[in-house]
Amino acid sequence: MASERLLSYSSEKMSKSDAIELTSERNVVDDGDAVKRMTVKELRAKLRSLGVPATGRKSDLVSALKSFLNREIDGKDHLAVEDGSLENNSKRKAKGLSSEGEGENISSLLEVSGRKRIQRTRTIVNQVPVEDSVAKVETTIAEPKKELSVKTSEVTEWSDTALRWITFSGRKSTWARSAEIVSADYRVDPAKNEVEPWTILAHKKPQKGWIPYNPRTMRPPPLTRDTNYVKLMSWNVNGLRALLKLEGFSALQIAQREDFDVLCLQETKLQASRRENIRMLPNPISTNSIISNLDVCVTKDALRAFGLNHNPEKDVEAIKESLLEGYENSFWTCSSAKLGYSGTAIISRIKPLSVKYGLGISDHDSEGRLVTVEFDSYYIINGYVPNAGDGLRRLSYRVTEWDPSLGSYIKDLEKSKPVILTGDLNCAHEEIDIYDPAGNKRSAGFTAEERQSFETNFLNRGFVDTFRKQHPGVVGYTYWGYRHNGRKTNKGWRLDYFLVSESIADNVHDSYILPDVTGSDHSPIGLILKL
Protein backbone atom coordinates (compact mmCIF):
# COMPACT_ATOMS: atom_id res chain seq x y z
CA MET A 1 0.00 0.00 0.00
CA ALA A 2 1.09 3.61 -0.47
CA SER A 3 1.44 4.17 3.26
CA GLU A 4 3.87 1.28 3.41
CA ARG A 5 6.08 2.73 0.69
CA LEU A 6 7.11 6.01 2.31
CA LEU A 7 10.62 4.80 2.89
CA SER A 8 11.23 4.82 -0.83
CA TYR A 9 11.33 8.62 -0.67
CA SER A 10 13.86 8.58 2.13
CA SER A 11 16.81 8.15 -0.19
CA GLU A 12 15.92 11.02 -2.56
CA LYS A 13 17.52 14.43 -2.30
CA MET A 14 15.52 17.18 -0.69
CA SER A 15 16.62 20.82 -0.66
CA LYS A 16 15.95 23.44 1.97
CA SER A 17 13.37 25.08 -0.24
CA ASP A 18 11.53 21.76 -0.44
CA ALA A 19 11.30 21.68 3.34
CA ILE A 20 9.92 25.25 3.38
CA GLU A 21 7.33 24.28 0.80
CA LEU A 22 6.28 21.34 2.95
CA THR A 23 5.84 23.66 5.92
CA SER A 24 3.24 25.54 3.94
CA GLU A 25 1.20 22.34 3.89
CA ARG A 26 0.69 22.46 7.70
CA ASN A 27 -2.89 23.63 7.35
CA VAL A 28 -3.65 20.64 5.13
CA VAL A 29 -2.29 18.20 7.67
CA ASP A 30 -4.01 19.85 10.62
CA ASP A 31 -7.32 19.77 8.81
CA GLY A 32 -7.96 16.04 8.47
CA ASP A 33 -11.24 16.68 6.66
CA ALA A 34 -9.47 18.72 3.98
CA VAL A 35 -7.31 15.76 3.07
CA LYS A 36 -10.29 13.42 3.07
CA ARG A 37 -12.21 15.78 0.77
CA MET A 38 -9.50 15.55 -1.87
CA THR A 39 -10.36 13.34 -4.80
CA VAL A 40 -8.32 10.30 -5.68
CA LYS A 41 -6.92 12.19 -8.67
CA GLU A 42 -5.89 15.12 -6.46
CA LEU A 43 -4.34 12.82 -3.89
CA ARG A 44 -2.34 10.98 -6.53
CA ALA A 45 -1.12 14.25 -8.05
CA LYS A 46 -0.06 15.60 -4.66
CA LEU A 47 1.75 12.41 -3.69
CA ARG A 48 3.55 12.22 -7.01
CA SER A 49 4.66 15.85 -6.65
CA LEU A 50 6.21 14.89 -3.31
CA GLY A 51 7.94 11.88 -4.78
CA VAL A 52 5.78 9.39 -2.88
CA PRO A 53 4.34 6.33 -4.68
CA ALA A 54 0.66 6.98 -5.35
CA THR A 55 -0.91 3.55 -5.50
CA GLY A 56 -3.74 1.94 -3.57
CA ARG A 57 -7.21 2.88 -2.46
CA LYS A 58 -8.25 6.36 -1.38
CA SER A 59 -7.80 5.48 2.29
CA ASP A 60 -4.23 4.40 1.51
CA LEU A 61 -3.54 7.65 -0.35
CA VAL A 62 -4.96 9.77 2.48
CA SER A 63 -2.88 7.88 5.02
CA ALA A 64 0.24 8.21 2.90
CA LEU A 65 -0.16 11.96 2.43
CA LYS A 66 -0.87 12.63 6.10
CA SER A 67 1.99 10.46 7.24
CA PHE A 68 4.47 12.02 4.84
CA LEU A 69 3.54 15.63 5.57
CA ASN A 70 3.47 15.07 9.33
CA ARG A 71 6.95 13.61 9.21
CA GLU A 72 8.38 16.29 6.93
CA ILE A 73 6.86 19.20 8.82
CA ASP A 74 7.76 17.85 12.23
CA GLY A 75 11.08 19.67 12.17
CA LYS A 76 12.32 18.50 15.53
CA ASP A 77 15.05 16.22 14.19
CA HIS A 78 17.16 18.31 11.84
CA LEU A 79 20.91 18.12 11.55
CA ALA A 80 23.12 20.65 9.81
CA VAL A 81 25.84 19.02 7.81
CA GLU A 82 28.75 21.49 7.96
CA ASP A 83 31.79 20.10 6.25
CA GLY A 84 32.82 18.31 3.08
CA SER A 85 30.83 16.39 0.58
CA LEU A 86 29.12 13.29 1.86
CA GLU A 87 30.64 10.06 0.63
CA ASN A 88 28.27 7.97 -1.40
CA ASN A 89 26.85 4.73 -0.04
CA SER A 90 25.86 1.97 -2.36
CA LYS A 91 22.40 0.66 -2.97
CA ARG A 92 22.07 -2.46 -5.01
CA LYS A 93 19.54 -2.86 -7.73
CA ALA A 94 19.08 -5.68 -10.11
CA LYS A 95 16.56 -4.80 -12.76
CA GLY A 96 16.10 -7.02 -15.70
CA LEU A 97 18.80 -9.62 -15.09
CA SER A 98 17.35 -11.75 -17.80
CA SER A 99 18.51 -13.62 -20.84
CA GLU A 100 16.86 -10.98 -23.01
CA GLY A 101 19.50 -8.45 -21.95
CA GLU A 102 17.16 -5.78 -20.68
CA GLY A 103 18.47 -2.66 -18.98
CA GLU A 104 20.69 -0.44 -21.10
CA ASN A 105 22.22 1.46 -18.19
CA ILE A 106 24.81 -0.99 -16.96
CA SER A 107 25.66 1.14 -13.92
CA SER A 108 22.26 0.34 -12.44
CA LEU A 109 22.65 -3.40 -12.67
CA LEU A 110 23.76 -5.84 -10.04
CA GLU A 111 24.85 -9.28 -11.11
CA VAL A 112 24.81 -11.70 -8.22
CA SER A 113 25.20 -15.22 -9.54
CA GLY A 114 28.98 -15.37 -9.77
CA ARG A 115 29.49 -12.14 -11.73
CA LYS A 116 30.92 -8.74 -10.88
CA ARG A 117 28.68 -6.34 -8.97
CA ILE A 118 28.22 -2.94 -10.61
CA GLN A 119 26.58 -0.47 -8.28
CA ARG A 120 25.36 3.05 -8.07
CA THR A 121 26.13 4.72 -4.76
CA ARG A 122 24.41 7.09 -2.44
CA THR A 123 24.93 8.32 1.10
CA ILE A 124 23.00 7.07 4.08
CA VAL A 125 23.25 8.68 7.50
CA ASN A 126 21.70 6.54 10.20
CA GLN A 127 20.53 7.64 13.61
CA VAL A 128 21.51 4.94 16.09
CA PRO A 129 19.98 4.61 19.56
CA VAL A 130 21.94 4.24 22.76
CA GLU A 131 20.51 2.91 26.02
CA ASP A 132 17.48 0.66 25.58
CA SER A 133 15.38 2.07 22.79
CA VAL A 134 14.71 0.63 19.40
CA ALA A 135 13.76 2.76 16.41
CA LYS A 136 13.30 2.44 12.70
CA VAL A 137 15.20 5.23 10.99
CA GLU A 138 14.59 6.93 7.69
CA THR A 139 16.91 9.57 6.25
CA THR A 140 16.50 12.25 3.65
CA ILE A 141 19.79 13.30 2.11
CA ALA A 142 20.60 16.95 1.43
CA GLU A 143 23.43 18.61 -0.43
CA PRO A 144 26.55 19.40 1.63
CA LYS A 145 26.27 22.42 3.96
CA LYS A 146 22.51 22.34 3.71
CA GLU A 147 19.94 21.13 6.16
CA LEU A 148 19.55 17.38 6.50
CA SER A 149 16.13 16.19 7.54
CA VAL A 150 16.15 13.06 9.66
CA LYS A 151 12.87 11.45 10.57
CA THR A 152 12.39 8.88 13.29
CA SER A 153 9.42 6.73 14.21
CA GLU A 154 8.62 4.40 17.05
CA VAL A 155 11.22 5.98 19.35
CA THR A 156 10.88 5.61 23.10
CA GLU A 157 12.94 6.69 26.10
CA TRP A 158 15.80 8.46 24.33
CA SER A 159 18.62 9.44 26.68
CA ASP A 160 20.68 12.64 26.44
CA THR A 161 23.41 10.64 24.76
CA ALA A 162 21.01 8.69 22.62
CA LEU A 163 22.09 9.92 19.23
CA ARG A 164 25.16 8.81 17.33
CA TRP A 165 25.59 10.11 13.80
CA ILE A 166 27.64 8.02 11.44
CA THR A 167 28.41 8.27 7.76
CA PHE A 168 30.14 5.43 6.02
CA SER A 169 30.47 4.09 2.53
CA GLY A 170 30.06 0.61 1.14
CA ARG A 171 27.00 -1.52 0.73
CA LYS A 172 23.66 -0.20 1.81
CA SER A 173 23.53 0.31 5.56
CA THR A 174 21.07 -1.63 7.60
CA TRP A 175 19.79 -1.02 11.08
CA ALA A 176 21.72 -3.98 12.47
CA ARG A 177 24.95 -2.96 10.80
CA SER A 178 24.66 0.62 11.98
CA ALA A 179 24.16 -0.59 15.50
CA GLU A 180 27.26 -2.75 15.28
CA ILE A 181 29.45 0.25 14.60
CA VAL A 182 28.44 1.88 17.86
CA SER A 183 27.82 -1.32 19.77
CA ALA A 184 30.24 -0.24 22.47
CA ASP A 185 27.95 2.69 23.27
CA TYR A 186 24.77 0.66 23.14
CA ARG A 187 23.75 -0.61 26.56
CA VAL A 188 20.85 -2.92 27.33
CA ASP A 189 19.28 -2.81 30.75
CA PRO A 190 18.38 -6.40 31.75
CA ALA A 191 15.57 -5.00 33.88
CA LYS A 192 13.92 -3.89 30.65
CA ASN A 193 14.46 -7.05 28.67
CA GLU A 194 10.99 -6.77 27.22
CA VAL A 195 12.55 -4.43 24.66
CA GLU A 196 15.01 -7.05 23.41
CA PRO A 197 14.11 -10.32 25.17
CA TRP A 198 16.31 -12.34 22.81
CA THR A 199 19.39 -10.79 24.45
CA ILE A 200 18.59 -12.61 27.69
CA LEU A 201 19.70 -16.23 28.01
CA ALA A 202 16.50 -18.25 28.29
CA HIS A 203 17.04 -21.97 28.68
CA LYS A 204 15.95 -24.51 31.28
CA LYS A 205 19.17 -26.47 31.02
CA PRO A 206 21.94 -24.05 30.01
CA GLN A 207 25.46 -25.37 29.60
CA LYS A 208 28.66 -23.62 30.58
CA GLY A 209 29.69 -21.09 27.97
CA TRP A 210 26.28 -20.68 26.35
CA ILE A 211 25.32 -17.10 25.59
CA PRO A 212 22.20 -15.52 24.04
CA TYR A 213 22.17 -14.42 20.42
CA ASN A 214 22.47 -10.67 19.95
CA PRO A 215 22.51 -9.58 16.30
CA ARG A 216 23.79 -6.13 17.23
CA THR A 217 27.07 -7.48 18.55
CA MET A 218 27.45 -10.87 16.87
CA ARG A 219 27.16 -9.98 13.21
CA PRO A 220 30.37 -9.43 11.27
CA PRO A 221 31.25 -6.14 9.56
CA PRO A 222 29.73 -5.58 6.11
CA LEU A 223 31.60 -6.92 3.13
CA THR A 224 33.54 -4.48 1.02
CA ARG A 225 32.11 -3.14 -2.20
CA ASP A 226 34.48 -5.14 -4.37
CA THR A 227 33.28 -8.46 -2.92
CA ASN A 228 30.70 -10.45 -4.87
CA TYR A 229 28.01 -11.93 -2.70
CA VAL A 230 24.34 -12.78 -2.52
CA LYS A 231 22.01 -12.02 0.37
CA LEU A 232 19.18 -14.43 1.11
CA MET A 233 16.32 -14.19 3.56
CA SER A 234 13.85 -16.84 4.73
CA TRP A 235 10.69 -16.39 6.77
CA ASN A 236 7.76 -18.51 7.87
CA VAL A 237 5.10 -15.79 7.74
CA ASN A 238 2.26 -17.90 9.20
CA GLY A 239 -0.23 -16.52 6.66
CA LEU A 240 0.89 -13.88 4.18
CA ARG A 241 -2.47 -12.17 3.76
CA ALA A 242 -2.79 -11.65 7.51
CA LEU A 243 0.77 -10.36 7.73
CA LEU A 244 0.31 -7.76 5.00
CA LYS A 245 -2.87 -6.53 6.68
CA LEU A 246 -1.12 -6.17 10.04
CA GLU A 247 -1.09 -2.57 11.24
CA GLY A 248 2.40 -1.13 11.22
CA PHE A 249 3.89 -3.88 9.07
CA SER A 250 5.73 -2.85 5.92
CA ALA A 251 7.31 -5.34 3.57
CA LEU A 252 9.04 -2.42 1.89
CA GLN A 253 10.71 -1.31 5.11
CA ILE A 254 12.07 -4.80 5.69
CA ALA A 255 13.30 -4.98 2.10
CA GLN A 256 15.04 -1.63 2.35
CA ARG A 257 16.53 -2.42 5.72
CA GLU A 258 17.82 -5.86 4.74
CA ASP A 259 18.39 -5.28 1.00
CA PHE A 260 18.08 -8.99 0.25
CA ASP A 261 18.43 -10.50 -3.19
CA VAL A 262 16.13 -13.48 -2.65
CA LEU A 263 13.27 -13.88 -0.17
CA CYS A 264 11.93 -17.34 0.66
CA LEU A 265 8.53 -17.56 2.35
CA GLN A 266 6.90 -20.51 4.06
CA GLU A 267 3.36 -21.09 5.27
CA THR A 268 1.90 -18.45 2.99
CA LYS A 269 -1.54 -20.10 3.31
CA LEU A 270 -2.64 -18.82 -0.10
CA GLN A 271 -5.13 -20.67 -2.26
CA ALA A 272 -4.25 -22.35 -5.53
CA SER A 273 -5.85 -21.79 -8.89
CA ARG A 274 -8.27 -24.40 -10.14
CA ARG A 275 -6.51 -27.69 -10.59
CA GLU A 276 -7.87 -28.59 -14.01
CA ASN A 277 -6.35 -25.48 -15.59
CA ILE A 278 -3.07 -25.64 -13.72
CA ARG A 279 -2.46 -29.13 -15.02
CA MET A 280 -2.64 -27.70 -18.54
CA LEU A 281 -0.10 -24.98 -17.82
CA PRO A 282 3.50 -25.62 -18.90
CA ASN A 283 6.09 -24.38 -16.46
CA PRO A 284 7.51 -21.41 -18.37
CA ILE A 285 10.94 -21.57 -16.72
CA SER A 286 11.38 -25.07 -15.40
CA THR A 287 12.89 -27.81 -17.52
CA ASN A 288 9.77 -29.83 -16.72
CA SER A 289 7.35 -29.57 -19.62
CA ILE A 290 4.15 -30.02 -17.66
CA ILE A 291 3.21 -29.43 -14.04
CA SER A 292 1.20 -32.38 -12.85
CA ASN A 293 -0.24 -33.36 -9.49
CA LEU A 294 0.70 -29.92 -8.20
CA ASP A 295 -1.23 -26.72 -7.77
CA VAL A 296 0.79 -23.61 -8.42
CA CYS A 297 -0.35 -20.13 -7.47
CA VAL A 298 -0.16 -18.43 -10.85
CA THR A 299 -1.14 -15.01 -12.11
CA LYS A 300 -3.63 -13.97 -14.76
CA ASP A 301 -0.79 -13.08 -17.12
CA ALA A 302 0.69 -16.56 -16.82
CA LEU A 303 -2.65 -18.18 -17.61
CA ARG A 304 -3.35 -15.78 -20.46
CA ALA A 305 0.07 -16.48 -21.98
CA PHE A 306 -0.96 -20.09 -22.49
CA GLY A 307 -4.44 -19.35 -23.79
CA LEU A 308 -6.31 -20.07 -20.55
CA ASN A 309 -9.14 -17.75 -19.63
CA HIS A 310 -9.76 -18.91 -16.09
CA ASN A 311 -9.09 -16.26 -13.44
CA PRO A 312 -7.02 -17.68 -10.60
CA GLU A 313 -7.86 -17.13 -6.99
CA LYS A 314 -7.31 -13.47 -6.26
CA ASP A 315 -4.92 -14.15 -3.38
CA VAL A 316 -1.72 -14.12 -5.38
CA GLU A 317 -2.83 -11.34 -7.73
CA ALA A 318 -3.54 -9.07 -4.77
CA ILE A 319 -0.36 -10.08 -3.01
CA LYS A 320 1.80 -9.44 -6.06
CA GLU A 321 0.37 -5.94 -6.46
CA SER A 322 1.41 -5.05 -2.93
CA LEU A 323 4.79 -6.74 -3.04
CA LEU A 324 8.13 -5.09 -3.43
CA GLU A 325 9.22 -3.03 -6.38
CA GLY A 326 12.40 -4.32 -7.94
CA TYR A 327 11.63 -7.97 -7.20
CA GLU A 328 10.24 -8.97 -10.55
CA ASN A 329 10.54 -12.74 -10.20
CA SER A 330 8.23 -14.64 -7.88
CA PHE A 331 7.31 -18.31 -7.79
CA TRP A 332 4.44 -19.64 -5.70
CA THR A 333 3.14 -23.07 -4.84
CA CYS A 334 0.06 -23.77 -2.77
CA SER A 335 -1.65 -26.68 -1.12
CA SER A 336 -4.35 -28.45 -3.10
CA ALA A 337 -4.92 -31.09 -0.43
CA LYS A 338 -6.17 -28.46 1.98
CA LEU A 339 -7.01 -24.92 0.89
CA GLY A 340 -5.41 -22.03 2.74
CA TYR A 341 -2.79 -24.32 4.24
CA SER A 342 0.98 -24.57 3.96
CA GLY A 343 2.37 -22.95 0.79
CA THR A 344 5.81 -21.64 -0.15
CA ALA A 345 7.16 -18.89 -2.39
CA ILE A 346 10.44 -17.47 -3.65
CA ILE A 347 10.65 -13.77 -4.52
CA SER A 348 13.83 -12.65 -6.27
CA ARG A 349 15.35 -9.61 -7.89
CA ILE A 350 17.48 -11.96 -10.00
CA LYS A 351 15.89 -14.06 -12.71
CA PRO A 352 16.73 -17.74 -12.16
CA LEU A 353 17.84 -20.15 -14.82
CA SER A 354 15.13 -22.66 -13.91
CA VAL A 355 12.37 -23.26 -11.39
CA LYS A 356 10.90 -26.49 -10.09
CA TYR A 357 7.92 -27.02 -7.81
CA GLY A 358 7.83 -29.92 -5.37
CA LEU A 359 9.97 -33.05 -5.27
CA GLY A 360 8.43 -34.64 -8.34
CA ILE A 361 6.77 -37.26 -6.13
CA SER A 362 2.99 -37.10 -6.10
CA ASP A 363 2.70 -38.32 -2.51
CA HIS A 364 4.71 -35.31 -1.32
CA ASP A 365 3.68 -32.56 -3.71
CA SER A 366 0.04 -31.83 -2.88
CA GLU A 367 0.74 -29.46 0.02
CA GLY A 368 2.87 -26.82 -1.70
CA ARG A 369 5.92 -27.38 0.47
CA LEU A 370 8.87 -26.93 -1.88
CA VAL A 371 10.16 -24.52 -4.53
CA THR A 372 13.61 -24.82 -6.13
CA VAL A 373 15.32 -22.10 -8.16
CA GLU A 374 18.58 -22.47 -10.04
CA PHE A 375 21.11 -19.68 -10.43
CA ASP A 376 24.50 -19.66 -12.14
CA SER A 377 26.53 -21.13 -9.30
CA TYR A 378 24.03 -22.65 -6.87
CA TYR A 379 20.50 -23.93 -6.25
CA ILE A 380 18.17 -22.53 -3.61
CA ILE A 381 15.53 -24.87 -2.19
CA ASN A 382 12.81 -23.25 -0.10
CA GLY A 383 11.07 -25.85 2.04
CA TYR A 384 8.35 -26.12 4.62
CA VAL A 385 8.91 -29.54 6.17
CA PRO A 386 5.79 -31.33 7.46
CA ASN A 387 5.19 -31.06 11.18
CA ALA A 388 4.75 -34.36 13.01
CA GLY A 389 1.46 -32.95 14.29
CA ASP A 390 -0.67 -33.41 17.37
CA GLY A 391 -0.14 -36.83 18.84
CA LEU A 392 2.79 -37.25 16.43
CA ARG A 393 0.34 -38.62 13.88
CA ARG A 394 2.62 -37.70 10.94
CA LEU A 395 5.90 -38.60 12.61
CA SER A 396 6.36 -41.80 10.64
CA TYR A 397 5.58 -40.07 7.34
CA ARG A 398 8.02 -37.30 8.11
CA VAL A 399 11.03 -39.42 9.14
CA THR A 400 10.56 -42.44 6.85
CA GLU A 401 9.24 -40.77 3.69
CA TRP A 402 9.57 -36.99 3.48
CA ASP A 403 13.03 -36.47 4.99
CA PRO A 404 14.70 -39.30 3.02
CA SER A 405 13.07 -38.08 -0.21
CA LEU A 406 14.21 -34.51 0.39
CA GLY A 407 17.70 -35.66 1.33
CA SER A 408 18.02 -37.66 -1.88
CA TYR A 409 16.63 -34.78 -3.94
CA ILE A 410 19.19 -32.27 -2.70
CA LYS A 411 22.04 -34.74 -3.15
CA ASP A 412 20.96 -35.27 -6.77
CA LEU A 413 20.97 -31.51 -7.37
CA GLU A 414 24.37 -31.22 -5.73
CA LYS A 415 25.89 -33.34 -8.49
CA SER A 416 25.74 -30.30 -10.79
CA LYS A 417 26.28 -27.38 -8.39
CA PRO A 418 26.14 -26.52 -4.65
CA VAL A 419 22.78 -26.43 -2.90
CA ILE A 420 21.31 -24.07 -0.30
CA LEU A 421 18.36 -25.54 1.61
CA THR A 422 16.40 -23.03 3.65
CA GLY A 423 13.06 -22.71 5.36
CA ASP A 424 11.11 -23.98 8.31
CA LEU A 425 12.60 -27.46 8.68
CA ASN A 426 10.46 -28.11 11.77
CA CYS A 427 13.20 -29.61 13.91
CA ALA A 428 15.13 -28.26 16.87
CA HIS A 429 18.25 -30.29 16.25
CA GLU A 430 20.04 -30.05 19.61
CA GLU A 431 19.17 -29.16 23.19
CA ILE A 432 20.67 -25.71 22.68
CA ASP A 433 17.98 -25.12 20.04
CA ILE A 434 15.00 -25.31 22.39
CA TYR A 435 14.14 -23.58 25.67
CA ASP A 436 12.82 -26.67 27.45
CA PRO A 437 14.42 -29.82 26.04
CA ALA A 438 13.37 -32.11 28.89
CA GLY A 439 9.74 -31.06 28.67
CA ASN A 440 9.50 -31.54 24.90
CA LYS A 441 11.07 -34.93 24.28
CA ARG A 442 7.81 -36.18 22.76
CA SER A 443 6.75 -32.91 21.20
CA ALA A 444 6.62 -32.53 17.43
CA GLY A 445 9.87 -30.99 16.29
CA PHE A 446 12.06 -32.36 19.08
CA THR A 447 11.48 -36.09 19.17
CA ALA A 448 14.52 -38.33 19.04
CA GLU A 449 13.26 -39.68 15.72
CA GLU A 450 13.09 -36.24 14.09
CA ARG A 451 16.46 -35.14 15.43
CA GLN A 452 18.10 -38.32 14.20
CA SER A 453 16.41 -37.98 10.83
CA PHE A 454 17.70 -34.42 10.56
CA GLU A 455 21.24 -35.68 11.09
CA THR A 456 20.92 -38.74 8.88
CA ASN A 457 19.30 -37.12 5.87
CA PHE A 458 20.95 -33.70 5.89
CA LEU A 459 23.95 -33.17 8.14
CA ASN A 460 25.52 -36.59 7.67
CA ARG A 461 25.09 -36.23 3.90
CA GLY A 462 27.39 -33.23 3.75
CA PHE A 463 25.13 -30.26 4.50
CA VAL A 464 26.23 -27.67 7.04
CA ASP A 465 24.04 -25.86 9.56
CA THR A 466 25.40 -22.38 8.89
CA PHE A 467 24.11 -20.68 12.03
CA ARG A 468 25.49 -23.35 14.33
CA LYS A 469 28.83 -23.34 12.50
CA GLN A 470 29.14 -19.60 13.02
CA HIS A 471 27.71 -19.59 16.56
CA PRO A 472 28.55 -22.93 18.22
CA GLY A 473 27.59 -21.94 21.77
CA VAL A 474 24.86 -19.40 21.09
CA VAL A 475 21.22 -19.77 22.09
CA GLY A 476 19.22 -18.22 19.28
CA TYR A 477 15.57 -19.04 18.61
CA THR A 478 13.50 -18.46 15.49
CA TYR A 479 10.06 -19.58 16.71
CA TRP A 480 8.02 -18.64 19.78
CA GLY A 481 4.57 -20.09 20.36
CA TYR A 482 1.64 -17.70 20.66
CA ARG A 483 -0.05 -19.81 23.30
CA HIS A 484 2.29 -18.89 26.14
CA ASN A 485 3.52 -15.56 24.77
CA GLY A 486 6.90 -17.16 24.25
CA ARG A 487 8.47 -14.28 22.35
CA LYS A 488 8.15 -11.92 25.31
CA THR A 489 10.10 -14.28 27.57
CA ASN A 490 12.32 -15.70 24.80
CA LYS A 491 11.10 -19.24 25.40
CA GLY A 492 11.48 -20.51 21.90
CA TRP A 493 12.78 -23.03 19.39
CA ARG A 494 15.23 -22.82 16.49
CA LEU A 495 13.29 -24.40 13.64
CA ASP A 496 14.46 -22.31 10.68
CA TYR A 497 17.74 -22.99 8.91
CA PHE A 498 20.13 -22.30 6.11
CA LEU A 499 21.85 -25.59 5.29
CA VAL A 500 24.50 -25.41 2.57
CA SER A 501 26.67 -27.84 0.68
CA GLU A 502 29.96 -28.42 2.45
CA SER A 503 31.81 -27.10 -0.60
CA ILE A 504 30.50 -23.56 -0.02
CA ALA A 505 30.24 -23.56 3.79
CA ASP A 506 33.42 -21.52 4.17
CA ASN A 507 32.00 -18.89 1.82
CA VAL A 508 29.27 -18.00 4.31
CA HIS A 509 29.98 -14.51 5.60
CA ASP A 510 27.02 -14.32 7.94
CA SER A 511 24.16 -16.57 9.04
CA TYR A 512 21.85 -14.60 11.26
CA ILE A 513 18.44 -14.21 12.88
CA LEU A 514 16.26 -11.08 12.91
CA PRO A 515 14.40 -11.51 16.21
CA ASP A 516 13.14 -7.92 16.25
CA VAL A 517 10.96 -8.46 13.16
CA THR A 518 7.49 -9.40 14.34
CA GLY A 519 4.25 -10.24 12.55
CA SER A 520 4.60 -14.03 12.73
CA ASP A 521 5.39 -16.65 15.34
CA HIS A 522 8.68 -17.10 13.47
CA SER A 523 11.38 -14.52 12.88
CA PRO A 524 13.19 -14.11 9.57
CA ILE A 525 16.65 -15.57 9.12
CA GLY A 526 19.34 -14.46 6.70
CA LEU A 527 22.42 -15.68 4.89
CA ILE A 528 25.18 -13.71 3.20
CA LEU A 529 27.18 -15.90 0.86
CA LYS A 530 30.37 -14.79 -0.87
CA LEU A 531 30.48 -15.86 -4.50
Foldseek 3Di string as FASTA:
>chain_A
DQQLQVLVQLQEADAPVNLVVLLVCVVVLVPLVNLVPDDLVRLCVVCVVSVGHSDDDSVSSSNNVNVVSCQSNVPPDKDFAADDWADWAWAAFAAPQDPVPDDPPVQNHQDAQPDWGRTDTGKDKFWAFAEQWDWQWGWHDYGHRGMTRTGIPRTDDGDPPTTDIDIDYFHQAARLQVLLVVVVRHDYDPVVCLSPLQQQDFAPDADPPFGGDDSNHQADHDDGRRFRWAKEKEEALLAQVLLVPDPPDHLQSVCSRRVHFKYKYKLNLAFFFDQVLQQVQADPQAPGGGDPLFTWRDQCVSSVVVPHRDGGPCVVVVVVVRDDPSQPDKTKGAAPVDHSGMIMMMTGSHDFNGKDWDLPDNVTHRGHFWIWTHHDAEIEIEGDQDWCDVVSVCVCVRLVPVLQSVLVSLVVVVVVHKYKYWYQQLAQQDSLFFRYLVVCCPPTRYDPSSNVSCCVRAVVVAKDFLVCVSPVNYRYAFFADPPVPCLSNVRHGHRITIIIGNVQSVQWSDWAWDSVDDNHRGTMIMTMGTD
